[in-house]
Protein backbone atom coordinates (compact mmCIF):
# COMPACT_ATOMS: atom_id res chain seq x y z
CA UNK A 1 -6.54 -91.07 -14.80
CA UNK A 2 -5.47 -89.80 -11.39
CA UNK A 3 -3.61 -93.00 -10.44
CA UNK A 4 -1.46 -92.70 -13.56
CA UNK A 5 -0.44 -89.09 -12.94
CA UNK A 6 0.18 -89.81 -9.25
CA UNK A 7 2.56 -92.67 -10.05
CA UNK A 8 4.21 -90.73 -12.86
CA UNK A 9 4.82 -87.84 -10.45
CA UNK A 10 6.53 -90.18 -7.97
CA UNK A 11 8.80 -91.51 -10.70
CA UNK A 12 9.73 -88.02 -11.89
CA UNK A 13 10.55 -87.04 -8.29
CA UNK A 14 12.85 -90.06 -7.90
CA UNK A 15 10.53 -91.85 -5.46
CA UNK A 16 11.10 -95.37 -6.80
CA UNK A 17 9.69 -98.71 -5.72
CA UNK A 18 11.81 -101.89 -5.90
CA UNK A 19 9.21 -103.63 -8.08
CA UNK A 20 6.35 -102.48 -10.31
CA UNK A 21 3.43 -104.43 -11.76
CA UNK A 22 1.91 -102.47 -14.66
CA UNK A 23 -1.06 -104.30 -16.13
CA UNK A 24 -4.33 -103.64 -17.93
CA UNK A 25 -6.11 -103.30 -21.23
CA UNK A 26 -4.72 -99.86 -22.18
CA UNK A 27 -1.06 -100.29 -23.27
CA UNK A 28 -0.41 -96.55 -23.57
CA UNK A 29 -0.20 -95.99 -19.81
CA UNK A 30 1.99 -99.06 -19.29
CA UNK A 31 4.44 -97.87 -21.94
CA UNK A 32 4.40 -94.31 -20.58
CA UNK A 33 5.29 -95.41 -17.04
CA UNK A 34 7.99 -97.89 -18.07
CA UNK A 35 9.48 -95.31 -20.45
CA UNK A 36 9.45 -92.72 -17.66
CA UNK A 37 11.50 -95.05 -15.46
CA UNK A 38 13.96 -95.70 -18.28
CA UNK A 39 14.27 -91.98 -18.97
CA UNK A 40 14.95 -91.26 -15.31
CA UNK A 41 17.42 -94.06 -14.64
CA UNK A 42 19.19 -94.89 -17.90
CA UNK A 43 21.76 -92.87 -19.82
CA UNK A 44 24.49 -93.54 -22.39
CA UNK A 45 27.06 -94.27 -19.69
CA UNK A 46 25.14 -96.86 -17.65
CA UNK A 47 22.93 -98.41 -20.34
CA UNK A 48 25.21 -101.41 -20.95
CA UNK A 49 25.85 -102.07 -17.25
CA UNK A 50 22.80 -101.21 -15.17
CA UNK A 51 19.86 -101.71 -17.52
CA UNK A 52 18.32 -104.96 -18.76
CA UNK A 53 15.39 -105.19 -21.18
CA UNK A 54 13.77 -108.64 -21.23
CA UNK A 55 10.73 -110.04 -23.05
CA UNK A 56 8.23 -112.44 -21.51
CA UNK A 57 8.29 -114.84 -24.43
CA UNK A 58 12.08 -115.13 -24.32
CA UNK A 59 12.79 -115.20 -20.59
CA UNK A 60 11.66 -116.78 -17.32
CA UNK A 61 11.60 -116.07 -13.59
CA UNK A 62 15.05 -117.53 -12.98
CA UNK A 63 16.69 -115.13 -15.46
CA UNK A 64 14.71 -112.13 -14.20
CA UNK A 65 15.70 -112.84 -10.59
CA UNK A 66 19.34 -113.45 -11.52
CA UNK A 67 19.56 -110.11 -13.33
CA UNK A 68 17.67 -108.33 -10.55
CA UNK A 69 20.14 -109.52 -7.93
CA UNK A 70 23.10 -107.92 -9.67
CA UNK A 71 24.62 -104.88 -8.01
CA UNK A 72 24.61 -101.66 -10.04
CA UNK A 73 28.03 -100.65 -11.37
CA UNK A 74 27.67 -97.02 -12.45
CA UNK A 75 24.30 -96.02 -11.01
CA UNK A 76 22.31 -96.06 -7.82
CA UNK A 77 19.95 -98.66 -9.25
CA UNK A 78 19.96 -101.68 -11.53
CA UNK A 79 16.86 -101.38 -13.74
CA UNK A 80 15.18 -104.52 -15.12
CA UNK A 81 12.22 -104.01 -17.47
CA UNK A 82 10.22 -107.05 -18.55
CA UNK A 83 8.13 -106.26 -21.64
CA UNK A 84 5.16 -108.48 -22.60
CA UNK A 85 5.21 -110.06 -19.13
CA UNK A 86 1.85 -111.67 -19.88
CA UNK A 87 3.78 -114.14 -22.08
CA UNK A 88 5.90 -115.45 -19.20
CA UNK A 89 5.41 -119.15 -18.35
CA UNK A 90 2.73 -119.60 -15.70
CA UNK A 91 5.27 -121.10 -13.31
CA UNK A 92 7.34 -117.92 -13.45
CA UNK A 93 4.73 -115.93 -11.54
CA UNK A 94 5.00 -118.32 -8.59
CA UNK A 95 8.79 -118.03 -8.58
CA UNK A 96 8.67 -114.25 -8.86
CA UNK A 97 6.45 -114.14 -5.78
CA UNK A 98 9.39 -115.16 -3.60
CA UNK A 99 11.55 -112.40 -5.07
CA UNK A 100 8.77 -109.79 -4.76
CA UNK A 101 8.44 -110.58 -1.05
CA UNK A 102 12.13 -109.69 -0.53
CA UNK A 103 13.20 -107.52 -3.49
CA UNK A 104 16.79 -106.31 -3.87
CA UNK A 105 17.06 -102.74 -2.61
CA UNK A 106 19.56 -101.79 -5.34
CA UNK A 107 17.34 -102.98 -8.20
CA UNK A 108 14.07 -101.87 -9.76
CA UNK A 109 12.04 -104.55 -11.57
CA UNK A 110 9.22 -103.47 -13.89
CA UNK A 111 6.70 -106.08 -15.09
CA UNK A 112 4.73 -104.81 -18.12
CA UNK A 113 1.70 -107.08 -18.28
CA UNK A 114 -0.31 -105.83 -21.28
CA UNK A 115 -3.78 -106.24 -22.77
CA UNK A 116 -5.37 -107.81 -19.69
CA UNK A 117 -5.59 -107.17 -15.98
CA UNK A 118 -3.37 -109.18 -13.67
CA UNK A 119 -5.35 -111.43 -11.34
CA UNK A 120 -5.57 -109.78 -7.92
CA UNK A 121 -5.97 -113.18 -6.27
CA UNK A 122 -2.45 -114.24 -7.27
CA UNK A 123 0.23 -114.33 -4.57
CA UNK A 124 2.52 -112.23 -6.78
CA UNK A 125 -0.04 -109.43 -6.87
CA UNK A 126 -0.33 -109.40 -3.09
CA UNK A 127 3.45 -109.50 -2.63
CA UNK A 128 4.02 -106.55 -4.97
CA UNK A 129 1.13 -104.70 -3.34
CA UNK A 130 3.05 -104.83 -0.04
CA UNK A 131 6.56 -104.10 -1.31
CA UNK A 132 6.14 -102.19 -4.58
CA UNK A 133 3.73 -100.32 -6.83
CA UNK A 134 0.77 -101.68 -8.79
CA UNK A 135 -0.94 -99.83 -11.60
CA UNK A 136 -3.93 -101.12 -13.58
CA UNK A 137 -4.63 -99.39 -16.90
CA UNK A 138 -8.19 -99.50 -18.23
CA UNK A 139 -9.41 -98.51 -21.69
CA UNK A 140 -11.15 -95.15 -21.83
CA UNK A 141 -14.79 -94.93 -22.85
CA UNK A 142 -15.49 -93.19 -26.17
CA UNK A 143 -16.98 -90.19 -24.40
CA UNK A 144 -13.75 -89.75 -22.41
CA UNK A 145 -11.51 -89.49 -25.48
CA UNK A 146 -12.11 -85.79 -26.36
CA UNK A 147 -11.24 -84.73 -22.81
CA UNK A 148 -8.09 -86.89 -22.90
CA UNK A 149 -7.06 -85.23 -26.18
CA UNK A 150 -7.57 -81.76 -24.70
CA UNK A 151 -5.59 -82.60 -21.56
CA UNK A 152 -2.76 -84.27 -23.47
CA UNK A 153 -2.61 -81.37 -25.93
CA UNK A 154 -2.43 -78.96 -22.98
CA UNK A 155 0.49 -80.93 -21.50
CA UNK A 156 2.27 -80.50 -24.85
CA UNK A 157 1.41 -76.78 -24.88
CA UNK A 158 -0.87 -77.20 -27.90
CA UNK A 159 -4.14 -75.34 -28.46
CA UNK A 160 -6.82 -77.22 -30.43
CA UNK A 161 -10.18 -75.95 -31.65
CA UNK A 162 -13.25 -78.04 -30.69
CA UNK A 163 -13.52 -79.25 -34.30
CA UNK A 164 -9.89 -80.38 -34.31
CA UNK A 165 -10.46 -82.33 -31.08
CA UNK A 166 -13.59 -83.94 -32.50
CA UNK A 167 -11.82 -84.87 -35.74
CA UNK A 168 -9.00 -86.60 -33.88
CA UNK A 169 -11.43 -88.32 -31.54
CA UNK A 170 -13.62 -89.60 -34.36
CA UNK A 171 -10.86 -90.55 -36.78
CA UNK A 172 -8.23 -92.04 -34.45
CA UNK A 173 -10.65 -93.28 -31.80
CA UNK A 174 -9.43 -94.70 -28.48
CA UNK A 175 -5.92 -95.60 -29.64
CA UNK A 176 -4.11 -93.41 -27.10
CA UNK A 177 -0.66 -94.31 -28.39
CA UNK A 178 -1.56 -93.09 -31.87
CA UNK A 179 -3.34 -90.01 -30.55
CA UNK A 180 -0.25 -89.11 -28.53
CA UNK A 181 1.97 -89.72 -31.55
CA UNK A 182 -0.18 -87.49 -33.79
CA UNK A 183 -0.19 -84.67 -31.24
CA UNK A 184 3.59 -84.88 -30.82
CA UNK A 185 3.96 -84.81 -34.60
CA UNK A 186 1.83 -81.68 -34.78
CA UNK A 187 3.93 -80.04 -32.05
CA UNK A 188 7.04 -80.50 -34.18
CA UNK A 189 5.63 -78.64 -37.18
CA UNK A 190 3.44 -75.84 -35.84
CA UNK A 191 4.56 -72.54 -34.37
CA UNK A 192 4.46 -72.24 -30.60
CA UNK A 193 1.12 -70.85 -29.46
CA UNK A 194 -0.58 -71.42 -32.82
CA UNK A 195 -4.25 -72.44 -32.76
CA UNK A 196 -4.64 -75.87 -34.35
CA UNK A 197 -7.84 -76.10 -36.38
CA UNK A 198 -9.33 -78.60 -38.85
CA UNK A 199 -7.06 -77.31 -41.63
CA UNK A 200 -4.00 -78.15 -39.53
CA UNK A 201 -5.40 -81.61 -38.79
CA UNK A 202 -5.98 -82.17 -42.51
CA UNK A 203 -2.46 -81.02 -43.34
CA UNK A 204 -0.47 -82.81 -40.64
CA UNK A 205 -2.57 -85.84 -39.70
CA UNK A 206 -4.00 -86.59 -43.12
CA UNK A 207 -7.68 -86.33 -42.23
CA UNK A 208 -9.77 -84.52 -44.84
CA UNK A 209 -11.81 -81.76 -43.23
CA UNK A 210 -14.65 -82.43 -45.69
CA UNK A 211 -14.53 -86.21 -46.13
CA UNK A 212 -14.13 -88.10 -42.88
CA UNK A 213 -16.20 -90.14 -40.41
CA UNK A 214 -17.05 -87.02 -38.42
CA UNK A 215 -18.51 -85.29 -41.47
CA UNK A 216 -20.30 -88.51 -42.47
CA UNK A 217 -22.19 -88.68 -39.18
CA UNK A 218 -23.04 -84.97 -39.44
CA UNK A 219 -24.47 -85.49 -42.93
CA UNK A 220 -26.58 -88.39 -41.68
CA UNK A 221 -27.68 -86.34 -38.68
CA UNK A 222 -29.04 -83.49 -40.81
CA UNK A 223 -30.46 -85.81 -43.47
CA UNK A 224 -28.10 -84.85 -46.33
CA UNK A 225 -28.00 -88.08 -48.36
CA UNK A 226 -26.00 -86.61 -51.26
CA UNK A 227 -23.18 -85.42 -49.03
CA UNK A 228 -23.13 -88.66 -47.02
CA UNK A 229 -22.94 -90.68 -50.25
CA UNK A 230 -20.03 -88.56 -51.54
CA UNK A 231 -18.13 -89.02 -48.27
CA UNK A 232 -18.54 -92.79 -48.46
CA UNK A 233 -17.12 -92.82 -51.99
CA UNK A 234 -14.11 -90.82 -50.81
CA UNK A 235 -13.48 -93.00 -47.75
CA UNK A 236 -13.68 -96.21 -49.76
CA UNK A 237 -11.11 -94.98 -52.29
CA UNK A 238 -8.50 -95.17 -49.54
CA UNK A 239 -9.51 -98.09 -47.28
CA UNK A 240 -6.12 -98.30 -45.55
CA UNK A 241 -6.47 -94.79 -44.17
CA UNK A 242 -10.22 -95.26 -43.58
CA UNK A 243 -10.79 -98.83 -42.36
CA UNK A 244 -14.40 -99.98 -42.38
CA UNK A 245 -14.26 -101.04 -38.72
CA UNK A 246 -13.35 -97.48 -37.72
CA UNK A 247 -16.17 -95.95 -39.81
CA UNK A 248 -18.74 -98.34 -38.34
CA UNK A 249 -17.44 -97.82 -34.81
CA UNK A 250 -17.72 -94.06 -35.27
CA UNK A 251 -21.31 -94.30 -36.54
CA UNK A 252 -22.33 -96.63 -33.73
CA UNK A 253 -20.85 -94.25 -31.13
CA UNK A 254 -22.68 -91.36 -32.81
CA UNK A 255 -26.10 -93.00 -32.51
CA UNK A 256 -25.29 -94.03 -28.93
CA UNK A 257 -24.79 -90.35 -28.14
CA UNK A 258 -28.11 -89.49 -29.79
CA UNK A 259 -29.76 -92.14 -27.63
CA UNK A 260 -28.19 -90.67 -24.50
CA UNK A 261 -29.27 -87.21 -25.56
CA UNK A 262 -32.87 -88.43 -25.89
CA UNK A 263 -32.79 -89.42 -22.23
CA UNK A 264 -31.21 -86.16 -21.02
CA UNK A 265 -33.50 -83.42 -19.79
CA UNK A 266 -30.81 -81.03 -18.54
CA UNK A 267 -29.22 -79.44 -21.60
CA UNK A 268 -26.41 -77.96 -19.49
CA UNK A 269 -25.26 -81.45 -18.50
CA UNK A 270 -25.82 -82.97 -21.94
CA UNK A 271 -22.42 -82.12 -23.46
CA UNK A 272 -20.58 -83.55 -20.46
CA UNK A 273 -22.72 -86.69 -20.49
CA UNK A 274 -22.07 -87.22 -24.20
CA UNK A 275 -18.36 -86.44 -23.89
CA UNK A 276 -18.49 -83.70 -26.52
CA UNK A 277 -17.70 -80.01 -26.61
CA UNK A 278 -20.72 -77.73 -25.94
CA UNK A 279 -19.73 -76.23 -29.30
CA UNK A 280 -21.25 -79.30 -31.03
CA UNK A 281 -24.27 -79.80 -28.80
CA UNK A 282 -26.66 -78.00 -31.16
CA UNK A 283 -25.71 -80.33 -34.03
CA UNK A 284 -26.47 -83.38 -31.88
CA UNK A 285 -29.76 -81.89 -30.71
CA UNK A 286 -30.85 -81.30 -34.32
CA UNK A 287 -30.01 -84.92 -35.19
CA UNK A 288 -31.70 -86.29 -32.05
CA UNK A 289 -34.89 -84.42 -32.98
CA UNK A 290 -34.86 -86.02 -36.45
CA UNK A 291 -34.88 -89.55 -35.08
CA UNK A 292 -37.21 -91.31 -32.70
CA UNK A 293 -35.90 -93.69 -30.02
CA UNK A 294 -37.06 -96.61 -32.19
CA UNK A 295 -35.25 -95.27 -35.26
CA UNK A 296 -32.02 -94.77 -33.31
CA UNK A 297 -32.22 -98.32 -31.98
CA UNK A 298 -32.83 -99.61 -35.50
CA UNK A 299 -29.86 -97.59 -36.80
CA UNK A 300 -27.57 -99.15 -34.19
CA UNK A 301 -28.89 -102.58 -35.14
CA UNK A 302 -28.16 -101.96 -38.86
CA UNK A 303 -24.62 -100.80 -38.03
CA UNK A 304 -24.07 -103.88 -35.87
CA UNK A 305 -25.28 -106.15 -38.71
CA UNK A 306 -22.95 -104.38 -41.18
CA UNK A 307 -20.06 -104.97 -38.78
CA UNK A 308 -20.88 -108.69 -38.60
CA UNK A 309 -20.98 -108.92 -42.40
CA UNK A 310 -17.66 -107.09 -42.72
CA UNK A 311 -16.07 -109.71 -40.46
CA UNK A 312 -17.56 -112.61 -42.40
CA UNK A 313 -19.75 -113.72 -39.50
CA UNK A 314 -22.80 -113.42 -41.71
CA UNK A 315 -21.87 -114.74 -45.14
CA UNK A 316 -21.59 -112.00 -47.74
CA UNK A 317 -19.59 -111.31 -50.88
CA UNK A 318 -19.97 -107.55 -50.60
CA UNK A 319 -16.95 -105.28 -50.14
CA UNK A 320 -16.64 -102.27 -47.84
CA UNK A 321 -18.10 -99.88 -50.41
CA UNK A 322 -21.18 -101.99 -51.01
CA UNK A 323 -21.72 -102.56 -47.28
CA UNK A 324 -21.53 -98.84 -46.54
CA UNK A 325 -23.85 -97.93 -49.41
CA UNK A 326 -26.36 -100.53 -48.24
CA UNK A 327 -26.08 -99.22 -44.66
CA UNK A 328 -26.56 -95.64 -45.81
CA UNK A 329 -29.78 -96.55 -47.63
CA UNK A 330 -31.07 -98.28 -44.53
CA UNK A 331 -30.24 -95.28 -42.32
CA UNK A 332 -31.99 -92.87 -44.68
CA UNK A 333 -35.14 -95.03 -44.95
CA UNK A 334 -35.71 -95.58 -41.23
C-alpha cells in the first residue's frame, strides 16, 4: 500500500503532523503507524512527561484536548495516542473537530479508529484533512497476501521459497499482524541470508509440510482422495491450530482461483491474476482441467453450506471432523 509507506516515510524523516486520523478495516497498518510515531518520539527519559496513551472506552474529547494542550517538558513534542478511538462517545467527535481546526503546534494527537472506516462526511474528518494526516487502511484481498509476505520478508532481509510463501499465505491467511509476527520470529532463529523453505516453516511456525490446508487443496486438485482424507484426520486432531473456518476459507479461495483460471486465456498473466507464484501455476492448471465451471461452482456452494453448518446457521449436530469428511465426499463426487 503506497499511502502507508509514504506516510511511514514522513514519520521516519521527522515530518510530523499535529493530528492523525488512522482508520480502516486492517488494524495492522494502524498499529504500525502509531507504533512508528511512538518509536520516533518517546524514550525512557520523556515517557512519563511527554507521552499519553488513552483508550476510547475510558476517555472523552475533553480529556484528550486537555492533555493535548499541555506543553512538552523534555521533548519537542507532546505525543497523545488514542487507541480504540471508535469507542469514543459520539459527542466527542464533534468536540474534537474544534481542536482539529486549531491544533496545538507542540502536540501530536493520533486517533486510532479501528475495524471500520471513519465517515468522510464528518466535520472532524474534513478538519483533520486540512490540518493533519489521514490514513485509511483496507483489508487486502486473498490474492494480494503472497505478494505482501514477499515484500515484508524482503524488508526483514528474509528469503522465502515460493512454497514457504504459499504455506504462510494459506495457513495464516490475511491476518497481517500474525504474518508479521511469524516472519519476525523466523528472523530471530535463522542464520542471516539463509533460504527459508517449507521445512523451516514447519519447524518455526508449526505448520506441517505434509498435513496442512495447502496440501489438502493440492490433494483435492489432483484427485487424491486417500491423501486428502489423511490430511483431514490430522487437521482435526488439533482443531486449535487448524480451525475449521480457516480450512474452509482456504478451500473456498482455492476454488475461486480455479474459476478465475478458467476465464484466463493468457497464461503469462494467470499467476499475477490469481495472486500466486508462477512456480505453482502448473498445479492450478492441472486442477482447473479436472473440473468444469459447473463443478467448481458446485464445490464453492458445498463449502459455503459447510461453513453455515459450522456456525450453527443450518441446524446440525456434526462436529468439524464430520463436516469436513462430508464435504470431502461431496467434492470427490462432483
